[in-house]
Amino acid sequence: MKDDDDTDARRTAVDKVGDVSGGESDRALLILDMGLACVRGSDAVVGAEHLVRFIQGELRYFRERGRLVIFANTNVDNRGVDVVIPELTPRSDEIRLSLSAPSAFFGTDLDRLLQKHHVRRLTLVGVETHTAVLLTGGDALARGYDVVVPEPCVCANDVVAHEAALRLLRTSWPQRSTAQMSAARPGTDTAMRHEL
């Protein structure tokens, strides 16, 4: 049947992913712009290198529970998508998105992907707090997702903008967003969460 063939041909990357590591959980981890250029390049975000061990803790937590993990990196100066740093290398069953704008929802199938995996709560980590994290968080909240932003897992070159973004996420939709403080447990790199 021609209609069936046309439908198959129009399937997006989301449809082709299949059953990724999302399991039965309603939670997902979205790692934003943790590529070589943003973390270690000549224009790296100040403090991004410090985030790595905390993001590794979040990544380990989500992977151990079989939850959906998504990496979203911005196209760097039209040269191509920034490569994720080795310490956070995506597994073959984890999703990678190429972003053309700071919000991971803009121009991608992210919303459809999250719906497909029945995600209701999205944890955002990465850089920069006042751009990719804030805009993705705002778009997620506007679409009805609960949003968690562990503070040690985000940063920005502009400290004032960083604090303002966290404040906006806490107060814009306080019943559906949580900016969290974390403290590393002695002897581990795993972040322990405490809601503000």
N, C-alpha and C. Protein backbone atom coordinates (compact mmCIF):
# COMPACT_ATOMS: atom_id res chain seq x y z
N MET A 1 0.84 -1.18 0.00
CA MET A 1 0.00 0.00 0.00
C MET A 1 0.88 1.24 0.00
N LYS A 2 0.61 2.14 -0.92
CA LYS A 2 1.41 3.35 -1.04
C LYS A 2 1.33 4.22 0.20
N ASP A 3 0.14 4.39 0.80
CA ASP A 3 0.00 5.23 1.98
C ASP A 3 0.85 4.72 3.13
N ASP A 4 0.89 3.40 3.31
CA ASP A 4 1.71 2.83 4.37
C ASP A 4 3.19 3.09 4.12
N ASP A 5 3.61 2.97 2.85
CA ASP A 5 5.01 3.23 2.51
C ASP A 5 5.37 4.69 2.77
N ASP A 6 4.46 5.61 2.39
CA ASP A 6 4.71 7.04 2.63
C ASP A 6 4.80 7.33 4.12
N THR A 7 3.94 6.72 4.89
CA THR A 7 3.96 6.92 6.34
C THR A 7 5.27 6.44 6.93
N ASP A 8 5.72 5.25 6.50
CA ASP A 8 6.99 4.72 6.99
C ASP A 8 8.15 5.63 6.61
N ALA A 9 8.11 6.18 5.42
CA ALA A 9 9.20 7.03 4.94
C ALA A 9 9.30 8.32 5.75
N ARG A 10 8.18 8.77 6.32
CA ARG A 10 8.17 10.03 7.07
C ARG A 10 8.44 9.84 8.55
N ARG A 11 8.72 8.63 8.96
CA ARG A 11 9.00 8.40 10.38
C ARG A 11 10.21 9.24 10.80
N THR A 12 10.14 9.80 11.97
CA THR A 12 11.24 10.64 12.46
C THR A 12 12.22 9.80 13.24
N ALA A 13 13.29 10.43 13.64
CA ALA A 13 14.31 9.75 14.46
C ALA A 13 13.69 9.24 15.76
N VAL A 14 12.70 9.96 16.27
CA VAL A 14 12.05 9.52 17.51
C VAL A 14 11.42 8.15 17.31
N ASP A 15 10.74 7.95 16.20
CA ASP A 15 10.10 6.67 15.95
C ASP A 15 11.12 5.56 15.78
N LYS A 16 12.27 5.88 15.21
CA LYS A 16 13.28 4.88 14.92
C LYS A 16 14.09 4.48 16.15
N VAL A 17 14.03 5.28 17.20
CA VAL A 17 14.82 5.01 18.40
C VAL A 17 14.40 3.70 19.04
N GLY A 18 13.13 3.40 19.02
CA GLY A 18 12.65 2.17 19.66
C GLY A 18 12.60 2.32 21.16
N ASP A 19 12.73 1.22 21.86
CA ASP A 19 12.68 1.26 23.31
C ASP A 19 14.06 1.53 23.87
N VAL A 20 14.38 2.82 24.02
CA VAL A 20 15.66 3.19 24.61
C VAL A 20 15.58 2.97 26.10
N SER A 21 16.59 3.42 26.80
CA SER A 21 16.75 3.08 28.21
C SER A 21 15.70 3.70 29.12
N GLY A 22 14.57 4.13 28.62
CA GLY A 22 13.57 4.80 29.44
C GLY A 22 12.80 3.88 30.36
N GLY A 23 12.76 2.58 30.07
CA GLY A 23 12.05 1.65 30.94
C GLY A 23 10.64 2.11 31.23
N GLU A 24 10.17 1.84 32.44
CA GLU A 24 8.82 2.18 32.83
C GLU A 24 8.76 3.47 33.65
N SER A 25 9.90 4.13 33.84
CA SER A 25 9.95 5.33 34.66
C SER A 25 9.32 6.52 33.96
N ASP A 26 8.81 7.45 34.75
CA ASP A 26 8.25 8.68 34.18
C ASP A 26 9.25 9.83 34.28
N ARG A 27 10.53 9.50 34.48
CA ARG A 27 11.57 10.52 34.64
C ARG A 27 12.63 10.38 33.56
N ALA A 28 13.19 11.52 33.17
CA ALA A 28 14.26 11.52 32.17
C ALA A 28 15.31 12.55 32.56
N LEU A 29 16.54 12.32 32.11
CA LEU A 29 17.66 13.23 32.31
C LEU A 29 18.01 13.85 30.97
N LEU A 30 18.08 15.18 30.94
CA LEU A 30 18.46 15.90 29.73
C LEU A 30 19.76 16.65 30.01
N ILE A 31 20.83 16.25 29.32
CA ILE A 31 22.15 16.84 29.49
C ILE A 31 22.36 17.85 28.37
N LEU A 32 22.50 19.12 28.74
CA LEU A 32 22.55 20.21 27.78
C LEU A 32 23.97 20.75 27.57
N ASP A 33 24.42 20.75 26.34
CA ASP A 33 25.66 21.40 25.91
C ASP A 33 26.89 21.06 26.72
N MET A 34 27.04 19.79 27.06
CA MET A 34 28.26 19.36 27.75
C MET A 34 29.24 18.76 26.73
N GLY A 35 29.53 19.56 25.73
CA GLY A 35 30.47 19.16 24.69
C GLY A 35 31.85 19.75 24.93
N LEU A 36 32.80 19.30 24.14
CA LEU A 36 34.18 19.74 24.30
C LEU A 36 34.32 21.26 24.20
N ALA A 37 33.64 21.88 23.26
CA ALA A 37 33.76 23.32 23.08
C ALA A 37 33.24 24.09 24.30
N CYS A 38 32.14 23.64 24.87
CA CYS A 38 31.54 24.34 26.02
C CYS A 38 32.26 24.06 27.33
N VAL A 39 32.91 22.90 27.42
CA VAL A 39 33.53 22.51 28.68
C VAL A 39 35.04 22.78 28.68
N ARG A 40 35.70 22.52 27.56
CA ARG A 40 37.17 22.62 27.55
C ARG A 40 37.74 23.47 26.41
N GLY A 41 36.90 24.00 25.57
CA GLY A 41 37.38 24.79 24.44
C GLY A 41 37.86 26.17 24.84
N SER A 42 38.31 26.92 23.85
CA SER A 42 38.82 28.27 24.12
C SER A 42 37.71 29.20 24.63
N ASP A 43 36.46 28.89 24.30
CA ASP A 43 35.32 29.69 24.78
C ASP A 43 34.50 28.91 25.80
N ALA A 44 35.15 28.03 26.55
CA ALA A 44 34.43 27.19 27.53
C ALA A 44 33.71 28.04 28.56
N VAL A 45 32.61 27.51 29.04
CA VAL A 45 31.83 28.18 30.08
C VAL A 45 32.59 28.04 31.40
N VAL A 46 32.78 29.16 32.07
CA VAL A 46 33.49 29.15 33.35
C VAL A 46 32.73 28.26 34.34
N GLY A 47 33.42 27.31 34.93
CA GLY A 47 32.80 26.41 35.91
C GLY A 47 32.27 25.12 35.31
N ALA A 48 32.23 25.01 34.00
CA ALA A 48 31.66 23.81 33.36
C ALA A 48 32.46 22.56 33.72
N GLU A 49 33.77 22.68 33.78
CA GLU A 49 34.61 21.53 34.13
C GLU A 49 34.26 21.02 35.53
N HIS A 50 33.94 21.92 36.44
CA HIS A 50 33.58 21.55 37.82
C HIS A 50 32.26 20.77 37.88
N LEU A 51 31.38 20.98 36.92
CA LEU A 51 30.07 20.30 36.90
C LEU A 51 30.18 18.81 36.59
N VAL A 52 31.23 18.43 35.91
CA VAL A 52 31.32 17.09 35.34
C VAL A 52 31.07 16.00 36.37
N ARG A 53 31.72 16.06 37.53
CA ARG A 53 31.55 14.97 38.50
C ARG A 53 30.12 14.91 39.05
N PHE A 54 29.46 16.05 39.17
CA PHE A 54 28.08 16.05 39.65
C PHE A 54 27.12 15.51 38.58
N ILE A 55 27.38 15.89 37.32
CA ILE A 55 26.57 15.37 36.23
C ILE A 55 26.80 13.86 36.08
N GLN A 56 28.04 13.41 36.29
CA GLN A 56 28.31 11.96 36.27
C GLN A 56 27.45 11.25 37.32
N GLY A 57 27.29 11.86 38.48
CA GLY A 57 26.45 11.27 39.53
C GLY A 57 25.00 11.16 39.09
N GLU A 58 24.47 12.21 38.47
CA GLU A 58 23.10 12.17 37.95
C GLU A 58 22.97 11.12 36.86
N LEU A 59 23.95 11.10 35.97
CA LEU A 59 23.93 10.15 34.85
C LEU A 59 23.96 8.71 35.38
N ARG A 60 24.81 8.45 36.33
CA ARG A 60 24.89 7.11 36.93
C ARG A 60 23.54 6.74 37.56
N TYR A 61 22.94 7.68 38.29
CA TYR A 61 21.65 7.46 38.96
C TYR A 61 20.57 7.06 37.94
N PHE A 62 20.47 7.80 36.84
CA PHE A 62 19.45 7.52 35.83
C PHE A 62 19.75 6.22 35.09
N ARG A 63 21.00 5.98 34.78
CA ARG A 63 21.36 4.73 34.07
C ARG A 63 21.09 3.50 34.93
N GLU A 64 21.43 3.56 36.21
CA GLU A 64 21.23 2.41 37.09
C GLU A 64 19.75 2.05 37.20
N ARG A 65 18.89 3.01 37.02
CA ARG A 65 17.45 2.78 37.14
C ARG A 65 16.78 2.57 35.78
N GLY A 66 17.57 2.53 34.73
CA GLY A 66 17.03 2.29 33.39
C GLY A 66 16.15 3.41 32.89
N ARG A 67 16.45 4.62 33.30
CA ARG A 67 15.64 5.78 32.88
C ARG A 67 16.19 6.40 31.61
N LEU A 68 15.33 7.11 30.94
CA LEU A 68 15.67 7.77 29.68
C LEU A 68 16.74 8.83 29.90
N VAL A 69 17.78 8.80 29.06
CA VAL A 69 18.86 9.78 29.09
C VAL A 69 18.98 10.38 27.69
N ILE A 70 19.01 11.72 27.65
CA ILE A 70 19.08 12.43 26.37
C ILE A 70 20.21 13.44 26.44
N PHE A 71 21.03 13.47 25.41
CA PHE A 71 22.10 14.46 25.28
C PHE A 71 21.69 15.44 24.20
N ALA A 72 21.75 16.74 24.49
CA ALA A 72 21.38 17.76 23.52
C ALA A 72 22.50 18.78 23.42
N ASN A 73 23.11 18.86 22.25
CA ASN A 73 24.21 19.79 22.04
C ASN A 73 23.89 20.74 20.90
N THR A 74 24.30 21.99 21.09
CA THR A 74 24.06 23.03 20.11
C THR A 74 25.05 22.92 18.97
N ASN A 75 24.58 23.23 17.79
CA ASN A 75 25.43 23.31 16.61
C ASN A 75 26.42 24.46 16.85
N VAL A 76 27.70 24.17 16.81
CA VAL A 76 28.72 25.16 17.12
C VAL A 76 29.16 25.88 15.86
N ASP A 77 28.77 27.14 15.74
CA ASP A 77 29.20 27.97 14.61
C ASP A 77 29.02 27.31 13.25
N ASN A 78 27.94 26.56 13.09
CA ASN A 78 27.63 25.87 11.84
C ASN A 78 28.73 24.90 11.39
N ARG A 79 29.63 24.53 12.31
CA ARG A 79 30.67 23.56 11.97
C ARG A 79 30.23 22.15 12.30
N GLY A 80 29.14 22.01 12.94
CA GLY A 80 28.68 20.69 13.34
C GLY A 80 28.39 20.67 14.83
N VAL A 81 27.81 19.59 15.27
CA VAL A 81 27.41 19.46 16.66
C VAL A 81 28.64 19.19 17.53
N ASP A 82 28.70 19.85 18.66
CA ASP A 82 29.79 19.69 19.61
C ASP A 82 29.79 18.25 20.14
N VAL A 83 30.95 17.65 20.22
CA VAL A 83 31.11 16.27 20.69
C VAL A 83 31.04 16.25 22.21
N VAL A 84 30.24 15.35 22.78
CA VAL A 84 30.10 15.23 24.23
C VAL A 84 31.44 14.84 24.83
N ILE A 85 31.77 15.42 25.98
CA ILE A 85 33.05 15.12 26.63
C ILE A 85 33.14 13.64 26.96
N PRO A 86 34.34 13.07 26.94
CA PRO A 86 34.51 11.62 27.14
C PRO A 86 33.90 11.10 28.45
N GLU A 87 33.96 11.88 29.52
CA GLU A 87 33.45 11.42 30.81
C GLU A 87 31.95 11.19 30.82
N LEU A 88 31.26 11.77 29.85
CA LEU A 88 29.79 11.64 29.78
C LEU A 88 29.36 10.94 28.50
N THR A 89 30.23 10.23 27.86
CA THR A 89 29.94 9.62 26.56
C THR A 89 28.59 8.91 26.56
N PRO A 90 27.73 9.28 25.61
CA PRO A 90 26.43 8.60 25.50
C PRO A 90 26.60 7.13 25.13
N ARG A 91 25.76 6.30 25.71
CA ARG A 91 25.71 4.89 25.32
C ARG A 91 24.95 4.77 24.01
N SER A 92 25.09 3.64 23.37
CA SER A 92 24.45 3.46 22.06
C SER A 92 22.92 3.53 22.14
N ASP A 93 22.35 3.23 23.31
CA ASP A 93 20.89 3.27 23.43
C ASP A 93 20.37 4.61 23.96
N GLU A 94 21.26 5.57 24.14
CA GLU A 94 20.84 6.89 24.62
C GLU A 94 20.69 7.84 23.44
N ILE A 95 19.82 8.80 23.61
CA ILE A 95 19.42 9.67 22.52
C ILE A 95 20.30 10.91 22.47
N ARG A 96 20.65 11.33 21.25
CA ARG A 96 21.41 12.55 21.02
C ARG A 96 20.62 13.46 20.12
N LEU A 97 20.49 14.71 20.54
CA LEU A 97 19.79 15.71 19.74
C LEU A 97 20.76 16.81 19.33
N SER A 98 20.60 17.28 18.13
CA SER A 98 21.35 18.43 17.64
C SER A 98 20.44 19.65 17.75
N LEU A 99 20.92 20.67 18.43
CA LEU A 99 20.09 21.86 18.66
C LEU A 99 20.52 23.01 17.76
N SER A 100 19.53 23.73 17.26
CA SER A 100 19.80 24.93 16.47
C SER A 100 19.46 26.19 17.27
N ALA A 101 18.94 25.99 18.47
CA ALA A 101 18.56 27.11 19.34
C ALA A 101 18.76 26.67 20.79
N PRO A 102 18.79 27.59 21.74
CA PRO A 102 19.05 27.22 23.13
C PRO A 102 18.03 26.26 23.75
N SER A 103 16.76 26.36 23.39
CA SER A 103 15.78 25.44 23.95
C SER A 103 15.85 24.10 23.23
N ALA A 104 15.95 23.02 23.99
CA ALA A 104 16.01 21.68 23.40
C ALA A 104 14.69 21.28 22.76
N PHE A 105 13.63 22.05 22.99
CA PHE A 105 12.33 21.76 22.37
C PHE A 105 12.22 22.41 20.99
N PHE A 106 12.98 23.46 20.73
CA PHE A 106 12.86 24.22 19.49
C PHE A 106 13.45 23.44 18.31
N GLY A 107 12.61 23.12 17.35
CA GLY A 107 13.06 22.47 16.12
C GLY A 107 13.49 21.01 16.30
N THR A 108 13.09 20.38 17.40
CA THR A 108 13.43 18.96 17.62
C THR A 108 12.14 18.18 17.91
N ASP A 109 12.28 16.88 18.01
CA ASP A 109 11.17 16.01 18.37
C ASP A 109 11.17 15.68 19.86
N LEU A 110 11.81 16.53 20.68
CA LEU A 110 11.95 16.23 22.10
C LEU A 110 10.60 16.00 22.78
N ASP A 111 9.63 16.87 22.55
CA ASP A 111 8.33 16.72 23.21
C ASP A 111 7.69 15.38 22.85
N ARG A 112 7.72 15.04 21.59
CA ARG A 112 7.14 13.77 21.14
C ARG A 112 7.88 12.57 21.74
N LEU A 113 9.20 12.69 21.83
CA LEU A 113 10.02 11.64 22.42
C LEU A 113 9.66 11.44 23.90
N LEU A 114 9.54 12.52 24.63
CA LEU A 114 9.18 12.44 26.05
C LEU A 114 7.78 11.85 26.23
N GLN A 115 6.85 12.25 25.38
CA GLN A 115 5.49 11.69 25.45
C GLN A 115 5.51 10.20 25.15
N LYS A 116 6.28 9.81 24.15
CA LYS A 116 6.36 8.40 23.76
C LYS A 116 6.82 7.54 24.94
N HIS A 117 7.72 8.07 25.75
CA HIS A 117 8.26 7.33 26.89
C HIS A 117 7.56 7.67 28.19
N HIS A 118 6.42 8.36 28.09
CA HIS A 118 5.57 8.67 29.25
C HIS A 118 6.31 9.43 30.34
N VAL A 119 7.22 10.31 29.92
CA VAL A 119 7.98 11.12 30.87
C VAL A 119 7.09 12.24 31.38
N ARG A 120 7.14 12.43 32.68
CA ARG A 120 6.41 13.54 33.31
C ARG A 120 7.35 14.48 34.05
N ARG A 121 8.53 13.96 34.43
CA ARG A 121 9.49 14.75 35.20
C ARG A 121 10.84 14.75 34.49
N LEU A 122 11.34 15.95 34.21
CA LEU A 122 12.56 16.13 33.44
C LEU A 122 13.62 16.79 34.31
N THR A 123 14.77 16.13 34.45
CA THR A 123 15.90 16.71 35.18
C THR A 123 16.84 17.32 34.15
N LEU A 124 17.16 18.61 34.34
CA LEU A 124 18.01 19.34 33.41
C LEU A 124 19.37 19.61 34.05
N VAL A 125 20.43 19.29 33.33
CA VAL A 125 21.80 19.57 33.78
C VAL A 125 22.59 20.10 32.60
N GLY A 126 23.66 20.87 32.88
CA GLY A 126 24.53 21.36 31.81
C GLY A 126 24.67 22.86 31.81
N VAL A 127 25.01 23.40 30.64
CA VAL A 127 25.29 24.83 30.51
C VAL A 127 24.46 25.42 29.37
N GLU A 128 24.23 26.67 29.38
CA GLU A 128 24.37 27.64 30.45
C GLU A 128 23.02 27.82 31.11
N THR A 129 23.05 28.16 32.39
CA THR A 129 21.83 28.23 33.18
C THR A 129 20.82 29.22 32.62
N HIS A 130 21.29 30.40 32.21
CA HIS A 130 20.38 31.45 31.77
C HIS A 130 19.98 31.34 30.30
N THR A 131 20.51 30.37 29.59
CA THR A 131 20.09 30.17 28.20
C THR A 131 19.48 28.78 28.04
N ALA A 132 20.29 27.77 27.74
CA ALA A 132 19.76 26.43 27.44
C ALA A 132 18.93 25.86 28.58
N VAL A 133 19.40 25.99 29.81
CA VAL A 133 18.67 25.40 30.94
C VAL A 133 17.36 26.15 31.18
N LEU A 134 17.42 27.47 31.24
CA LEU A 134 16.21 28.27 31.50
C LEU A 134 15.19 28.12 30.38
N LEU A 135 15.63 28.24 29.14
CA LEU A 135 14.67 28.17 28.03
C LEU A 135 14.09 26.78 27.85
N THR A 136 14.92 25.75 28.00
CA THR A 136 14.41 24.38 27.94
C THR A 136 13.47 24.12 29.11
N GLY A 137 13.86 24.57 30.31
CA GLY A 137 13.00 24.41 31.49
C GLY A 137 11.67 25.11 31.34
N GLY A 138 11.70 26.34 30.84
CA GLY A 138 10.45 27.08 30.62
C GLY A 138 9.56 26.40 29.61
N ASP A 139 10.16 25.93 28.52
CA ASP A 139 9.37 25.21 27.50
C ASP A 139 8.80 23.92 28.06
N ALA A 140 9.58 23.22 28.89
CA ALA A 140 9.09 21.98 29.50
C ALA A 140 7.92 22.27 30.44
N LEU A 141 8.07 23.29 31.27
CA LEU A 141 6.99 23.66 32.20
C LEU A 141 5.73 24.06 31.44
N ALA A 142 5.89 24.82 30.37
CA ALA A 142 4.74 25.25 29.58
C ALA A 142 4.02 24.07 28.93
N ARG A 143 4.74 22.98 28.72
CA ARG A 143 4.15 21.77 28.14
C ARG A 143 3.63 20.79 29.19
N GLY A 144 3.73 21.19 30.47
CA GLY A 144 3.16 20.38 31.54
C GLY A 144 4.10 19.41 32.22
N TYR A 145 5.39 19.46 31.91
CA TYR A 145 6.35 18.59 32.57
C TYR A 145 6.77 19.19 33.91
N ASP A 146 7.07 18.34 34.87
CA ASP A 146 7.73 18.78 36.09
C ASP A 146 9.21 18.90 35.75
N VAL A 147 9.86 19.90 36.33
CA VAL A 147 11.26 20.17 36.01
C VAL A 147 12.09 20.19 37.28
N VAL A 148 13.23 19.50 37.25
CA VAL A 148 14.20 19.50 38.35
C VAL A 148 15.53 20.00 37.80
N VAL A 149 16.13 20.96 38.50
CA VAL A 149 17.43 21.49 38.11
C VAL A 149 18.36 21.41 39.33
N PRO A 150 19.20 20.37 39.42
CA PRO A 150 20.15 20.28 40.53
C PRO A 150 21.21 21.38 40.39
N GLU A 151 21.29 22.28 41.36
CA GLU A 151 22.16 23.44 41.26
C GLU A 151 23.62 23.14 40.96
N PRO A 152 24.24 22.13 41.56
CA PRO A 152 25.65 21.87 41.24
C PRO A 152 25.86 21.32 39.84
N CYS A 153 24.79 21.09 39.11
CA CYS A 153 24.89 20.52 37.77
C CYS A 153 24.63 21.54 36.68
N VAL A 154 24.59 22.83 37.03
CA VAL A 154 24.40 23.89 36.05
C VAL A 154 25.31 25.07 36.37
N CYS A 155 25.69 25.81 35.35
CA CYS A 155 26.48 27.03 35.57
C CYS A 155 26.36 27.93 34.35
N ALA A 156 26.93 29.13 34.48
CA ALA A 156 26.93 30.10 33.39
C ALA A 156 28.15 31.00 33.55
N ASN A 157 28.58 31.61 32.46
CA ASN A 157 29.67 32.58 32.53
C ASN A 157 29.29 33.78 33.37
N ASP A 158 28.03 34.15 33.35
CA ASP A 158 27.53 35.31 34.10
C ASP A 158 26.83 34.82 35.36
N VAL A 159 27.47 35.04 36.51
CA VAL A 159 26.94 34.54 37.78
C VAL A 159 25.59 35.17 38.12
N VAL A 160 25.42 36.45 37.83
CA VAL A 160 24.16 37.13 38.11
C VAL A 160 23.04 36.52 37.26
N ALA A 161 23.31 36.27 35.99
CA ALA A 161 22.31 35.65 35.10
C ALA A 161 22.01 34.22 35.57
N HIS A 162 23.02 33.51 36.04
CA HIS A 162 22.85 32.15 36.57
C HIS A 162 21.86 32.16 37.73
N GLU A 163 22.11 33.03 38.71
CA GLU A 163 21.23 33.12 39.88
C GLU A 163 19.82 33.55 39.48
N ALA A 164 19.72 34.49 38.57
CA ALA A 164 18.40 34.96 38.12
C ALA A 164 17.63 33.84 37.44
N ALA A 165 18.31 33.04 36.64
CA ALA A 165 17.66 31.91 35.95
C ALA A 165 17.14 30.89 36.95
N LEU A 166 17.94 30.56 37.95
CA LEU A 166 17.48 29.62 38.98
C LEU A 166 16.28 30.18 39.73
N ARG A 167 16.33 31.48 40.03
CA ARG A 167 15.20 32.13 40.72
C ARG A 167 13.93 32.07 39.86
N LEU A 168 14.08 32.33 38.57
CA LEU A 168 12.92 32.25 37.66
C LEU A 168 12.33 30.85 37.62
N LEU A 169 13.19 29.84 37.55
CA LEU A 169 12.69 28.46 37.51
C LEU A 169 11.98 28.09 38.82
N ARG A 170 12.47 28.61 39.94
CA ARG A 170 11.84 28.32 41.23
C ARG A 170 10.49 29.00 41.38
N THR A 171 10.36 30.21 40.83
CA THR A 171 9.17 31.01 41.12
C THR A 171 8.14 31.07 40.01
N SER A 172 8.53 30.80 38.76
CA SER A 172 7.58 30.92 37.65
C SER A 172 6.45 29.92 37.76
N TRP A 173 6.80 28.67 37.98
CA TRP A 173 5.82 27.60 38.16
C TRP A 173 6.26 26.80 39.38
N PRO A 174 6.19 27.38 40.58
CA PRO A 174 6.79 26.72 41.75
C PRO A 174 6.21 25.34 42.05
N GLN A 175 4.97 25.08 41.69
CA GLN A 175 4.39 23.77 41.98
C GLN A 175 4.91 22.70 41.04
N ARG A 176 5.56 23.10 39.93
CA ARG A 176 6.03 22.10 38.96
C ARG A 176 7.53 22.16 38.70
N SER A 177 8.25 23.06 39.39
CA SER A 177 9.69 23.11 39.17
C SER A 177 10.41 23.15 40.51
N THR A 178 11.59 22.59 40.51
CA THR A 178 12.39 22.55 41.72
C THR A 178 13.84 22.79 41.34
N ALA A 179 14.37 23.92 41.74
CA ALA A 179 15.82 24.11 41.64
C ALA A 179 16.35 23.56 42.95
N GLN A 180 17.29 22.68 42.86
CA GLN A 180 17.75 21.97 44.05
C GLN A 180 19.20 22.26 44.36
N MET A 181 19.51 22.26 45.65
CA MET A 181 20.90 22.32 46.09
C MET A 181 21.36 20.89 46.28
N SER A 182 22.61 20.64 46.03
CA SER A 182 23.16 19.32 46.25
C SER A 182 24.48 19.44 46.98
N ALA A 183 24.79 18.45 47.74
CA ALA A 183 26.10 18.37 48.39
C ALA A 183 26.64 16.98 48.14
N ALA A 184 27.90 16.89 47.78
CA ALA A 184 28.49 15.58 47.52
C ALA A 184 28.61 14.81 48.82
N ARG A 185 28.27 13.53 48.77
CA ARG A 185 28.48 12.67 49.94
C ARG A 185 29.96 12.44 50.11
N PRO A 186 30.45 12.43 51.35
CA PRO A 186 31.87 12.17 51.56
C PRO A 186 32.28 10.85 50.92
N GLY A 187 33.39 10.90 50.19
CA GLY A 187 33.92 9.67 49.60
C GLY A 187 33.30 9.28 48.27
N THR A 188 32.35 10.07 47.76
CA THR A 188 31.74 9.73 46.47
C THR A 188 31.59 10.99 45.63
N ASP A 189 31.31 10.80 44.36
CA ASP A 189 31.02 11.92 43.48
C ASP A 189 29.53 12.08 43.27
N THR A 190 28.74 11.21 43.87
CA THR A 190 27.30 11.24 43.66
C THR A 190 26.68 12.41 44.41
N ALA A 191 25.87 13.17 43.72
CA ALA A 191 25.22 14.32 44.35
C ALA A 191 24.06 13.83 45.20
N MET A 192 23.93 14.39 46.38
CA MET A 192 22.81 14.09 47.27
C MET A 192 21.90 15.30 47.22
N ARG A 193 20.63 15.11 46.97
CA ARG A 193 19.73 16.24 46.73
C ARG A 193 19.00 16.68 47.99
N HIS A 194 18.87 17.99 48.08
CA HIS A 194 18.07 18.61 49.14
C HIS A 194 17.26 19.71 48.50
N GLU A 195 15.96 19.63 48.55
CA GLU A 195 15.15 20.68 47.95
C GLU A 195 15.28 21.95 48.76
N LEU A 196 15.25 23.08 48.05
CA LEU A 196 15.32 24.39 48.72
C LEU A 196 14.04 24.72 49.43
